C-alpha atoms as a PDB file:
ATOM      1  CA  MET A   1      90.158 -36.723 -20.272  1.00  0.00           C
ATOM      2  CA  GLY A   2      86.600 -37.893 -19.883  1.00  0.00           C
ATOM      3  CA  GLY A   3      84.555 -37.151 -22.985  1.00  0.00           C
ATOM      4  CA  ARG A   4      87.144 -34.738 -24.364  1.00  0.00           C
ATOM      5  CA  PHE A   5      89.549 -35.845 -27.046  1.00  0.00           C
ATOM      6  CA  SER A   6      88.000 -39.263 -27.511  1.00  0.00           C
ATOM      7  CA  ALA A   7      87.092 -39.128 -31.212  1.00  0.00           C
ATOM      8  CA  PHE A   8      90.014 -37.497 -33.016  1.00  0.00           C
ATOM      9  CA  SER A   9      93.002 -37.511 -30.672  1.00  0.00           C
ATOM     10  CA  PHE A  10      96.059 -39.580 -31.570  1.00  0.00           C
ATOM     11  CA  VAL A  11      98.479 -38.937 -28.701  1.00  0.00           C
ATOM     12  CA  ASP A  12      98.016 -41.223 -25.681  1.00  0.00           C
ATOM     13  CA  ARG A  13     101.025 -40.055 -23.726  1.00  0.00           C
ATOM     14  CA  ILE A  14     103.744 -37.407 -23.904  1.00  0.00           C
ATOM     15  CA  THR A  15     106.917 -39.065 -22.646  1.00  0.00           C
ATOM     16  CA  GLN A  16     109.359 -36.194 -23.162  1.00  0.00           C
ATOM     17  CA  VAL A  17     108.794 -32.530 -23.921  1.00  0.00           C
ATOM     18  CA  GLU A  18     110.738 -29.304 -24.185  1.00  0.00           C
ATOM     19  CA  PRO A  19     107.995 -26.770 -24.976  1.00  0.00           C
ATOM     20  CA  GLY A  20     108.785 -24.934 -28.185  1.00  0.00           C
ATOM     21  CA  VAL A  21     111.676 -27.303 -28.963  1.00  0.00           C
ATOM     22  CA  ARG A  22     110.722 -30.993 -29.180  1.00  0.00           C
ATOM     23  CA  ALA A  23     108.366 -33.654 -27.919  1.00  0.00           C
ATOM     24  CA  ARG A  24     108.203 -37.428 -27.794  1.00  0.00           C
ATOM     25  CA  GLY A  25     105.085 -39.472 -27.248  1.00  0.00           C
ATOM     26  CA  SER A  26     103.113 -42.565 -28.154  1.00  0.00           C
ATOM     27  CA  TYR A  27      99.791 -43.685 -29.514  1.00  0.00           C
ATOM     28  CA  HIS A  28      98.327 -47.195 -29.464  1.00  0.00           C
ATOM     29  CA  VAL A  29      96.182 -47.915 -32.511  1.00  0.00           C
ATOM     30  CA  PRO A  30      93.020 -49.672 -31.283  1.00  0.00           C
ATOM     31  CA  ALA A  31      93.065 -53.315 -32.297  1.00  0.00           C
ATOM     32  CA  GLN A  32      89.358 -53.351 -33.141  1.00  0.00           C
ATOM     33  CA  LEU A  33      89.735 -50.918 -36.059  1.00  0.00           C
ATOM     34  CA  ALA A  34      89.444 -52.215 -39.612  1.00  0.00           C
ATOM     35  CA  GLU A  35      92.281 -49.898 -40.721  1.00  0.00           C
ATOM     36  CA  PHE A  36      94.309 -46.893 -39.633  1.00  0.00           C
ATOM     37  CA  PRO A  37      95.037 -44.692 -42.687  1.00  0.00           C
ATOM     38  CA  ALA A  38      98.495 -43.192 -43.173  1.00  0.00           C
ATOM     39  CA  ALA A  39      96.933 -39.718 -43.057  1.00  0.00           C
ATOM     40  CA  LEU A  40      96.008 -40.345 -39.411  1.00  0.00           C
ATOM     41  CA  VAL A  41      99.608 -41.277 -38.614  1.00  0.00           C
ATOM     42  CA  ALA A  42     100.603 -37.863 -40.007  1.00  0.00           C
ATOM     43  CA  GLU A  43      97.819 -36.343 -37.887  1.00  0.00           C
ATOM     44  CA  ALA A  44      99.313 -37.980 -34.774  1.00  0.00           C
ATOM     45  CA  VAL A  45     102.729 -36.418 -35.405  1.00  0.00           C
ATOM     46  CA  GLY A  46     101.099 -33.043 -36.058  1.00  0.00           C
ATOM     47  CA  GLN A  47      99.082 -33.261 -32.841  1.00  0.00           C
ATOM     48  CA  LEU A  48     102.233 -33.958 -30.828  1.00  0.00           C
ATOM     49  CA  ALA A  49     103.871 -30.882 -32.382  1.00  0.00           C
ATOM     50  CA  ALA A  50     100.725 -28.902 -31.517  1.00  0.00           C
ATOM     51  CA  TRP A  51     100.978 -29.848 -27.833  1.00  0.00           C
ATOM     52  CA  ALA A  52     104.633 -28.739 -27.688  1.00  0.00           C
ATOM     53  CA  SER A  53     103.857 -25.442 -29.403  1.00  0.00           C
ATOM     54  CA  MET A  54     100.763 -24.682 -27.321  1.00  0.00           C
ATOM     55  CA  ALA A  55     102.678 -25.389 -24.111  1.00  0.00           C
ATOM     56  CA  GLN A  56     105.367 -22.939 -25.197  1.00  0.00           C
ATOM     57  CA  LEU A  57     102.746 -20.193 -25.557  1.00  0.00           C
ATOM     58  CA  ASP A  58     100.818 -21.121 -22.388  1.00  0.00           C
ATOM     59  CA  PHE A  59      97.896 -22.266 -24.554  1.00  0.00           C
ATOM     60  CA  ARG A  60      97.048 -18.716 -25.612  1.00  0.00           C
ATOM     61  CA  ARG A  61      97.360 -19.765 -29.247  1.00  0.00           C
ATOM     62  CA  ARG A  62      97.067 -23.013 -31.125  1.00  0.00           C
ATOM     63  CA  PRO A  63      98.276 -24.195 -34.563  1.00  0.00           C
ATOM     64  CA  VAL A  64      96.017 -25.184 -37.435  1.00  0.00           C
ATOM     65  CA  ALA A  65      96.863 -27.047 -40.641  1.00  0.00           C
ATOM     66  CA  GLY A  66      98.834 -24.995 -43.138  1.00  0.00           C
ATOM     67  CA  LEU A  67     101.766 -26.204 -45.237  1.00  0.00           C
ATOM     68  CA  ALA A  68     103.786 -29.407 -45.461  1.00  0.00           C
ATOM     69  CA  ARG A  69     106.664 -29.701 -47.900  1.00  0.00           C
ATOM     70  CA  GLU A  70     107.043 -33.488 -47.829  1.00  0.00           C
ATOM     71  CA  THR A  71     105.510 -36.503 -46.118  1.00  0.00           C
ATOM     72  CA  ARG A  72     107.029 -39.930 -46.782  1.00  0.00           C
ATOM     73  CA  PHE A  73     104.844 -42.982 -46.196  1.00  0.00           C
ATOM     74  CA  LEU A  74     107.152 -45.937 -45.566  1.00  0.00           C
ATOM     75  CA  ARG A  75     104.710 -48.663 -44.578  1.00  0.00           C
ATOM     76  CA  ASP A  76     101.152 -49.151 -43.413  1.00  0.00           C
ATOM     77  CA  VAL A  77     100.315 -49.123 -39.717  1.00  0.00           C
ATOM     78  CA  LYS A  78      98.202 -52.026 -38.512  1.00  0.00           C
ATOM     79  CA  PRO A  79      95.514 -51.973 -35.835  1.00  0.00           C
ATOM     80  CA  GLY A  80      96.991 -53.085 -32.542  1.00  0.00           C
ATOM     81  CA  GLU A  81     100.406 -51.516 -33.179  1.00  0.00           C
ATOM     82  CA  THR A  82     101.874 -48.749 -31.023  1.00  0.00           C
ATOM     83  CA  LEU A  83     103.307 -45.625 -32.627  1.00  0.00           C
ATOM     84  CA  THR A  84     106.314 -43.877 -31.151  1.00  0.00           C
ATOM     85  CA  LEU A  85     105.916 -40.222 -32.099  1.00  0.00           C
ATOM     86  CA  GLU A  86     108.586 -37.529 -32.413  1.00  0.00           C
ATOM     87  CA  ALA A  87     108.225 -33.840 -33.250  1.00  0.00           C
ATOM     88  CA  ASP A  88     111.099 -31.351 -33.561  1.00  0.00           C
ATOM     89  CA  LEU A  89     110.103 -27.689 -33.572  1.00  0.00           C
ATOM     90  CA  GLU A  90     112.319 -25.448 -35.682  1.00  0.00           C
ATOM     91  CA  SER A  91     110.569 -22.270 -34.505  1.00  0.00           C
ATOM     92  CA  CYS A  92     107.511 -21.370 -32.455  1.00  0.00           C
ATOM     93  CA  THR A  93     106.041 -17.877 -32.262  1.00  0.00           C
ATOM     94  CA  ASP A  94     102.639 -16.267 -31.833  1.00  0.00           C
ATOM     95  CA  ASP A  95     102.382 -16.282 -35.631  1.00  0.00           C
ATOM     96  CA  ASP A  96     103.301 -19.851 -36.591  1.00  0.00           C
ATOM     97  CA  VAL A  97     105.117 -23.059 -35.724  1.00  0.00           C
ATOM     98  CA  ALA A  98     107.591 -24.805 -38.037  1.00  0.00           C
ATOM     99  CA  TYR A  99     108.353 -28.445 -37.345  1.00  0.00           C
ATOM    100  CA  ALA A 100     109.444 -31.827 -38.639  1.00  0.00           C
ATOM    101  CA  GLY A 101     108.490 -35.200 -37.239  1.00  0.00           C
ATOM    102  CA  ARG A 102     108.307 -38.922 -37.597  1.00  0.00           C
ATOM    103  CA  ALA A 103     106.537 -42.020 -36.335  1.00  0.00           C
ATOM    104  CA  THR A 104     108.041 -45.447 -35.782  1.00  0.00           C
ATOM    105  CA  VAL A 105     106.757 -48.885 -34.831  1.00  0.00           C
ATOM    106  CA  GLY A 106     109.185 -51.115 -32.993  1.00  0.00           C
ATOM    107  CA  GLY A 107     112.044 -48.822 -34.004  1.00  0.00           C
ATOM    108  CA  ALA A 108     111.202 -49.010 -37.720  1.00  0.00           C
ATOM    109  CA  PRO A 109     110.091 -45.725 -39.375  1.00  0.00           C
ATOM    110  CA  VAL A 110     106.575 -45.668 -40.833  1.00  0.00           C
ATOM    111  CA  ILE A 111     106.205 -41.971 -41.697  1.00  0.00           C
ATOM    112  CA  VAL A 112     108.471 -38.912 -41.949  1.00  0.00           C
ATOM    113  CA  LEU A 113     107.292 -35.282 -42.158  1.00  0.00           C
ATOM    114  CA  GLU A 114     109.562 -32.481 -43.359  1.00  0.00           C
ATOM    115  CA  GLN A 115     109.171 -28.698 -43.412  1.00  0.00           C
ATOM    116  CA  CYS A 116     105.698 -28.326 -41.917  1.00  0.00           C
ATOM    117  CA  LEU A 117     104.284 -24.934 -41.028  1.00  0.00           C
ATOM    118  CA  GLY A 118     101.134 -24.252 -39.029  1.00  0.00           C
ATOM    119  CA  PRO A 119      99.661 -20.787 -38.523  1.00  0.00           C
ATOM    120  CA  MET A 120      98.961 -19.911 -34.883  1.00  0.00           C
ATOM    121  CA  LEU A 121      95.492 -18.586 -34.056  1.00  0.00           C
ATOM    122  CA  PRO A 122      93.803 -17.564 -30.789  1.00  0.00           C
ATOM    123  CA  THR A 123      92.998 -20.677 -28.774  1.00  0.00           C
ATOM    124  CA  GLU A 124      89.707 -19.213 -27.537  1.00  0.00           C
ATOM    125  CA  ASP A 125      88.330 -19.367 -31.084  1.00  0.00           C
ATOM    126  CA  PHE A 126      88.599 -23.173 -31.031  1.00  0.00           C
ATOM    127  CA  ASP A 127      88.733 -24.453 -27.464  1.00  0.00           C
ATOM    128  CA  ALA A 128      89.038 -23.520 -23.780  1.00  0.00           C
ATOM    129  CA  ALA A 129      92.657 -22.867 -22.799  1.00  0.00           C
ATOM    130  CA  ASP A 130      92.154 -24.144 -19.245  1.00  0.00           C
ATOM    131  CA  ALA A 131      90.759 -27.426 -20.529  1.00  0.00           C
ATOM    132  CA  LEU A 132      93.739 -27.832 -22.861  1.00  0.00           C
ATOM    133  CA  ARG A 133      96.140 -27.178 -19.979  1.00  0.00           C
ATOM    134  CA  ARG A 134      94.469 -29.953 -17.965  1.00  0.00           C
ATOM    135  CA  ASP A 135      94.581 -32.345 -20.912  1.00  0.00           C
ATOM    136  CA  TYR A 136      98.253 -31.581 -21.494  1.00  0.00           C
ATOM    137  CA  ALA A 137      99.081 -32.229 -17.829  1.00  0.00           C
ATOM    138  CA  LEU A 138      97.290 -35.576 -17.995  1.00  0.00           C
ATOM    139  CA  LEU A 139      99.145 -36.608 -21.161  1.00  0.00           C
ATOM    140  CA  CYS A 140     102.455 -35.760 -19.467  1.00  0.00           C
ATOM    141  CA  ARG A 141     101.551 -37.805 -16.365  1.00  0.00           C
ATOM    142  CA  GLU A 142      99.588 -41.044 -16.620  1.00  0.00           C
ATOM    143  CA  GLY A 143      98.356 -40.524 -20.160  1.00  0.00           C
ATOM    144  CA  ALA A 144      94.932 -40.800 -21.746  1.00  0.00           C
ATOM    145  CA  ALA A 145      92.805 -43.915 -21.818  1.00  0.00           C
ATOM    146  CA  ALA A 146      93.793 -46.225 -24.664  1.00  0.00           C
ATOM    147  CA  ASP A 147      91.537 -47.606 -27.419  1.00  0.00           C
ATOM    148  CA  ARG A 148      89.155 -44.636 -27.308  1.00  0.00           C
ATOM    149  CA  PHE A 149      89.121 -43.945 -31.073  1.00  0.00           C
ATOM    150  CA  PRO A 150      86.045 -45.590 -32.637  1.00  0.00           C
ATOM    151  CA  GLY A 151      87.180 -45.280 -36.243  1.00  0.00           C
ATOM    152  CA  LEU A 152      86.043 -43.033 -39.069  1.00  0.00           C
ATOM    153  CA  PRO A 153      82.519 -42.847 -40.473  1.00  0.00           C
ATOM    154  CA  ALA A 154      81.919 -43.524 -44.157  1.00  0.00           C
ATOM    155  CA  PHE A 155      81.871 -40.304 -46.149  1.00  0.00           C
ATOM    156  CA  ASP A 156      79.391 -39.409 -48.881  1.00  0.00           C
ATOM    157  CA  ILE A 157      81.576 -39.361 -52.004  1.00  0.00           C
ATOM    158  CA  GLU A 158      79.941 -39.303 -55.435  1.00  0.00           C
ATOM    159  CA  PRO A 159      82.055 -40.072 -58.529  1.00  0.00           C
ATOM    160  CA  GLY A 160      82.276 -37.270 -61.071  1.00  0.00           C
ATOM    161  CA  ALA A 161      83.723 -36.731 -64.524  1.00  0.00           C
ATOM    162  CA  SER A 162      86.889 -38.600 -65.428  1.00  0.00           C
ATOM    163  CA  VAL A 163      89.286 -39.382 -68.262  1.00  0.00           C
ATOM    164  CA  PRO A 164      90.668 -42.923 -67.775  1.00  0.00           C
ATOM    165  CA  GLY A 165      94.324 -42.881 -66.819  1.00  0.00           C
ATOM    166  CA  GLU A 166      94.483 -39.080 -66.836  1.00  0.00           C
ATOM    167  CA  ARG A 167      92.151 -37.506 -64.277  1.00  0.00           C
ATOM    168  CA  VAL A 168      89.239 -38.260 -61.996  1.00  0.00           C
ATOM    169  CA  THR A 169      86.887 -36.102 -59.933  1.00  0.00           C
ATOM    170  CA  ALA A 170      84.363 -36.650 -57.172  1.00  0.00           C
ATOM    171  CA  THR A 171      82.000 -34.729 -54.912  1.00  0.00           C
ATOM    172  CA  LEU A 172      82.699 -35.040 -51.196  1.00  0.00           C
ATOM    173  CA  ARG A 173      79.853 -33.999 -48.923  1.00  0.00           C
ATOM    174  CA  VAL A 174      81.234 -33.175 -45.493  1.00  0.00           C
ATOM    175  CA  PRO A 175      78.894 -34.503 -42.791  1.00  0.00           C
ATOM    176  CA  ARG A 176      76.930 -31.929 -40.825  1.00  0.00           C
ATOM    177  CA  SER A 177      77.689 -33.832 -37.651  1.00  0.00           C
ATOM    178  CA  ALA A 178      80.274 -36.478 -36.769  1.00  0.00           C
ATOM    179  CA  PRO A 179      82.118 -37.563 -33.600  1.00  0.00           C
ATOM    180  CA  PHE A 180      85.441 -36.093 -34.770  1.00  0.00           C
ATOM    181  CA  PHE A 181      83.972 -32.574 -34.734  1.00  0.00           C
ATOM    182  CA  GLU A 182      83.840 -32.824 -30.923  1.00  0.00           C
ATOM    183  CA  ASP A 183      87.654 -32.872 -30.920  1.00  0.00           C
ATOM    184  CA  HIS A 184      88.237 -30.782 -34.032  1.00  0.00           C
ATOM    185  CA  PHE A 185      87.284 -28.370 -32.525  1.00  0.00           C
ATOM    186  CA  PRO A 186      84.906 -27.962 -29.545  1.00  0.00           C
ATOM    187  CA  ARG A 187      84.135 -24.275 -30.193  1.00  0.00           C
ATOM    188  CA  ARG A 188      84.507 -24.271 -33.972  1.00  0.00           C
ATOM    189  CA  PRO A 189      83.916 -27.578 -35.774  1.00  0.00           C
ATOM    190  CA  VAL A 190      86.301 -27.973 -38.713  1.00  0.00           C
ATOM    191  CA  PHE A 191      86.624 -30.911 -41.111  1.00  0.00           C
ATOM    192  CA  PRO A 192      90.193 -32.188 -40.532  1.00  0.00           C
ATOM    193  CA  ALA A 193      92.558 -31.533 -43.433  1.00  0.00           C
ATOM    194  CA  THR A 194      94.049 -35.003 -42.989  1.00  0.00           C
ATOM    195  CA  LEU A 195      90.650 -36.582 -43.688  1.00  0.00           C
ATOM    196  CA  LEU A 196      90.362 -34.531 -46.861  1.00  0.00           C
ATOM    197  CA  LEU A 197      93.863 -35.602 -47.901  1.00  0.00           C
ATOM    198  CA  ASN A 198      92.978 -39.221 -47.176  1.00  0.00           C
ATOM    199  CA  SER A 199      90.002 -38.977 -49.549  1.00  0.00           C
ATOM    200  CA  GLN A 200      92.158 -37.296 -52.197  1.00  0.00           C
ATOM    201  CA  ILE A 201      94.846 -39.982 -51.916  1.00  0.00           C
ATOM    202  CA  ARG A 202      92.214 -42.691 -52.348  1.00  0.00           C
ATOM    203  CA  LEU A 203      91.051 -40.927 -55.511  1.00  0.00           C
ATOM    204  CA  ALA A 204      94.620 -40.831 -56.843  1.00  0.00           C
ATOM    205  CA  LEU A 205      95.091 -44.530 -56.083  1.00  0.00           C
ATOM    206  CA  ALA A 206      91.954 -45.354 -58.057  1.00  0.00           C
ATOM    207  CA  LEU A 207      93.376 -43.372 -60.980  1.00  0.00           C
ATOM    208  CA  ALA A 208      96.786 -45.033 -60.697  1.00  0.00           C
ATOM    209  CA  ARG A 209      95.266 -48.514 -60.776  1.00  0.00           C
ATOM    210  CA  GLN A 210      93.969 -47.743 -64.265  1.00  0.00           C
ATOM    211  CA  THR A 211      97.530 -47.640 -65.615  1.00  0.00           C
ATOM    212  CA  LEU A 212      99.735 -49.411 -63.046  1.00  0.00           C
ATOM    213  CA  THR A 213      99.698 -53.096 -62.181  1.00  0.00           C
ATOM    214  CA  PRO A 214     101.621 -54.214 -59.083  1.00  0.00           C
ATOM    215  CA  GLY A 215     103.554 -57.460 -58.952  1.00  0.00           C
ATOM    216  CA  THR A 216     102.263 -60.635 -57.346  1.00  0.00           C
ATOM    217  CA  ASP A 217     103.519 -59.696 -53.870  1.00  0.00           C
ATOM    218  CA  GLY A 218     102.947 -55.937 -54.099  1.00  0.00           C
ATOM    219  CA  GLU A 219     100.215 -53.334 -53.942  1.00  0.00           C
ATOM    220  CA  LEU A 220      99.913 -49.693 -54.923  1.00  0.00           C
ATOM    221  CA  ALA A 221     100.240 -47.158 -52.114  1.00  0.00           C
ATOM    222  CA  ALA A 222     101.024 -43.497 -51.563  1.00  0.00           C
ATOM    223  CA  ALA A 223     104.791 -43.135 -51.224  1.00  0.00           C
ATOM    224  CA  ARG A 224     105.175 -39.355 -50.859  1.00  0.00           C
ATOM    225  CA  LEU A 225     102.861 -36.396 -50.364  1.00  0.00           C
ATOM    226  CA  LEU A 226     104.382 -33.122 -51.554  1.00  0.00           C
ATOM    227  CA  ASP A 227     103.638 -29.409 -51.279  1.00  0.00           C
ATOM    228  CA  VAL A 228     100.472 -29.666 -49.203  1.00  0.00           C
ATOM    229  CA  LYS A 229      98.711 -26.314 -48.920  1.00  0.00           C
ATOM    230  CA  VAL A 230      95.521 -25.971 -46.872  1.00  0.00           C
ATOM    231  CA  ARG A 231      93.971 -22.657 -47.878  1.00  0.00           C
ATOM    232  CA  ALA A 232      90.689 -22.513 -45.961  1.00  0.00           C
ATOM    233  CA  PHE A 233      88.719 -24.027 -43.102  1.00  0.00           C
ATOM    234  CA  ILE A 234      86.133 -26.630 -44.129  1.00  0.00           C
ATOM    235  CA  ALA A 235      82.857 -26.325 -42.259  1.00  0.00           C
ATOM    236  CA  PRO A 236      80.369 -29.105 -41.438  1.00  0.00           C
ATOM    237  CA  GLY A 237      77.974 -29.690 -44.312  1.00  0.00           C
ATOM    238  CA  GLN A 238      80.231 -28.125 -46.941  1.00  0.00           C
ATOM    239  CA  VAL A 239      80.320 -29.652 -50.421  1.00  0.00           C
ATOM    240  CA  LEU A 240      83.772 -30.161 -51.940  1.00  0.00           C
ATOM    241  CA  GLU A 241      84.817 -30.985 -55.487  1.00  0.00           C
ATOM    242  CA  ILE A 242      87.957 -33.100 -55.222  1.00  0.00           C
ATOM    243  CA  GLY A 243      90.174 -34.290 -58.029  1.00  0.00           C
ATOM    244  CA  ALA A 244      93.350 -36.136 -58.990  1.00  0.00           C
ATOM    245  CA  GLU A 245      95.157 -35.469 -62.267  1.00  0.00           C
ATOM    246  CA  ARG A 246      98.144 -37.444 -63.464  1.00  0.00           C
ATOM    247  CA  LEU A 247     101.243 -35.343 -64.091  1.00  0.00           C
ATOM    248  CA  ALA A 248     103.845 -35.875 -66.788  1.00  0.00           C
ATOM    249  CA  PRO A 249     106.991 -37.653 -65.539  1.00  0.00           C
ATOM    250  CA  ARG A 250     109.809 -35.373 -64.416  1.00  0.00           C
ATOM    251  CA  SER A 251     113.257 -35.681 -65.955  1.00  0.00           C
ATOM    252  CA  ASN A 252     114.847 -36.434 -62.569  1.00  0.00           C
ATOM    253  CA  ALA A 253     112.234 -39.115 -61.733  1.00  0.00           C
ATOM    254  CA  PRO A 254     111.040 -40.621 -65.028  1.00  0.00           C
ATOM    255  CA  ASP A 255     109.541 -43.714 -63.380  1.00  0.00           C
ATOM    256  CA  ALA A 256     107.552 -41.904 -60.683  1.00  0.00           C
ATOM    257  CA  TRP A 257     103.752 -41.923 -61.011  1.00  0.00           C
ATOM    258  CA  THR A 258     102.584 -38.545 -59.702  1.00  0.00           C
ATOM    259  CA  ALA A 259      99.191 -36.864 -59.486  1.00  0.00           C
ATOM    260  CA  ARG A 260      98.100 -33.355 -58.614  1.00  0.00           C
ATOM    261  CA  LEU A 261      95.430 -33.284 -55.902  1.00  0.00           C
ATOM    262  CA  SER A 262      92.828 -30.544 -55.695  1.00  0.00           C
ATOM    263  CA  ALA A 263      89.821 -29.591 -53.595  1.00  0.00           C
ATOM    264  CA  ARG A 264      87.462 -26.699 -54.227  1.00  0.00           C
ATOM    265  CA  ALA A 265      84.419 -25.329 -52.430  1.00  0.00           C
ATOM    266  CA  GLU A 266      82.042 -23.042 -54.316  1.00  0.00           C
ATOM    267  CA  GLY A 267      84.692 -22.701 -56.994  1.00  0.00           C
ATOM    268  CA  LYS A 268      87.440 -21.569 -54.608  1.00  0.00           C
ATOM    269  CA  PRO A 269      90.592 -23.611 -53.834  1.00  0.00           C
ATOM    270  CA  VAL A 270      90.568 -25.299 -50.429  1.00  0.00           C
ATOM    271  CA  ALA A 271      93.597 -27.600 -50.526  1.00  0.00           C
ATOM    272  CA  THR A 272      96.240 -28.676 -53.038  1.00  0.00           C
ATOM    273  CA  ALA A 273      99.066 -31.217 -53.025  1.00  0.00           C
ATOM    274  CA  ARG A 274     100.950 -33.725 -55.128  1.00  0.00           C
ATOM    275  CA  VAL A 275     101.145 -37.433 -54.406  1.00  0.00           C
ATOM    276  CA  GLU A 276     103.528 -40.088 -55.672  1.00  0.00           C
ATOM    277  CA  ILE A 277     102.138 -43.607 -56.034  1.00  0.00           C
ATOM    278  CA  ALA A 278     104.447 -46.612 -55.973  1.00  0.00           C
ATOM    279  CA  GLU A 279     104.352 -50.356 -55.499  1.00  0.00           C
ATOM    280  CA  ARG A 280     104.889 -51.558 -51.948  1.00  0.00           C
ATOM    281  CA  SER A 281     105.435 -55.093 -50.717  1.00  0.00           C
ATOM    282  CA  ARG A 282     102.518 -56.591 -48.808  1.00  0.00           C
ATOM    283  CA  ALA A 283     104.952 -58.115 -46.272  1.00  0.00           C
END
C-alpha cells in the first residue's frame, strides 16, 4: 500500500469475502503501542464492512459513519494481539449499508456490533476509486504491511463546567493536521467519529469514577455503547463542546450506570450516544 492507509487503517488482510454479504479479516495490533482503545477495535470491524460494501458497488460509493444501535465491549485489546474480524452485511445499496460485526482474539470475543447503518456517498468525494480497488486487491492477496499504525496523537481537551457525579463538559479542539487525516480521507479530511466517541467515553469514565469505586481486582470500563448517531462531518480545526451526563437508572436495569454523551459544534449537534459503565476484572 505504500504511504496509503498507514495511519488509520485497521485491516491487515481480508481472508474471506462475499461482496455485499460478509467478510472476514485480521488486524495485528502493533506491539509498540501504549494502548489500543476499544473504539479503534470498533473502527476495525467497520472498516472491514466498508471494504465488503465498496467491493459490491465497484467502489463507486463508500460508507461513512452513521448509526449504531449497540456496541458491546467485552474486554480490552492489548498491544501485540491479533484481531480476527467479522462483518455480516444485512443490506447494501447505493444509499446505505446495514451490518453487524464482531472481533475476537484467540477465539474469545472482545467486541460485538449490532444494527449499524452507514450512508453511502460518492467515493470520488473522499478518495480515488482506482486506488481503493488496488488496495482491496492487495488486502485480499498478501495483505498490508503489519505494525504500520504509529498510535494516536494527544488531543487538546480543556475541562469545562461540571457538577460532580452528575455531568461534565470539555472543549475538544480537533487538530488542523494529523497523520490519520491522510487515511480519513485523502480528498476530504474528516475527524474520525470513533476518535470523538473515544474522547466522550473517557469523559464519562471520569464522571463515573466520582461515584463508583471498583473492587480490588477490578476497574471501571465502558461495557456498552448505545444509540450512536453521527449527525455531521467534523473538519480539521473544528472546536467541539463534548459532554457526559449521568442518567437516572432504568427500571429494567436499576444497577446500570449510564451516561448520555453529546458533542456540539457552533451550537449544533454533531454526535450523540449513551454509554454504560461497569466494573471489569483486570485479569
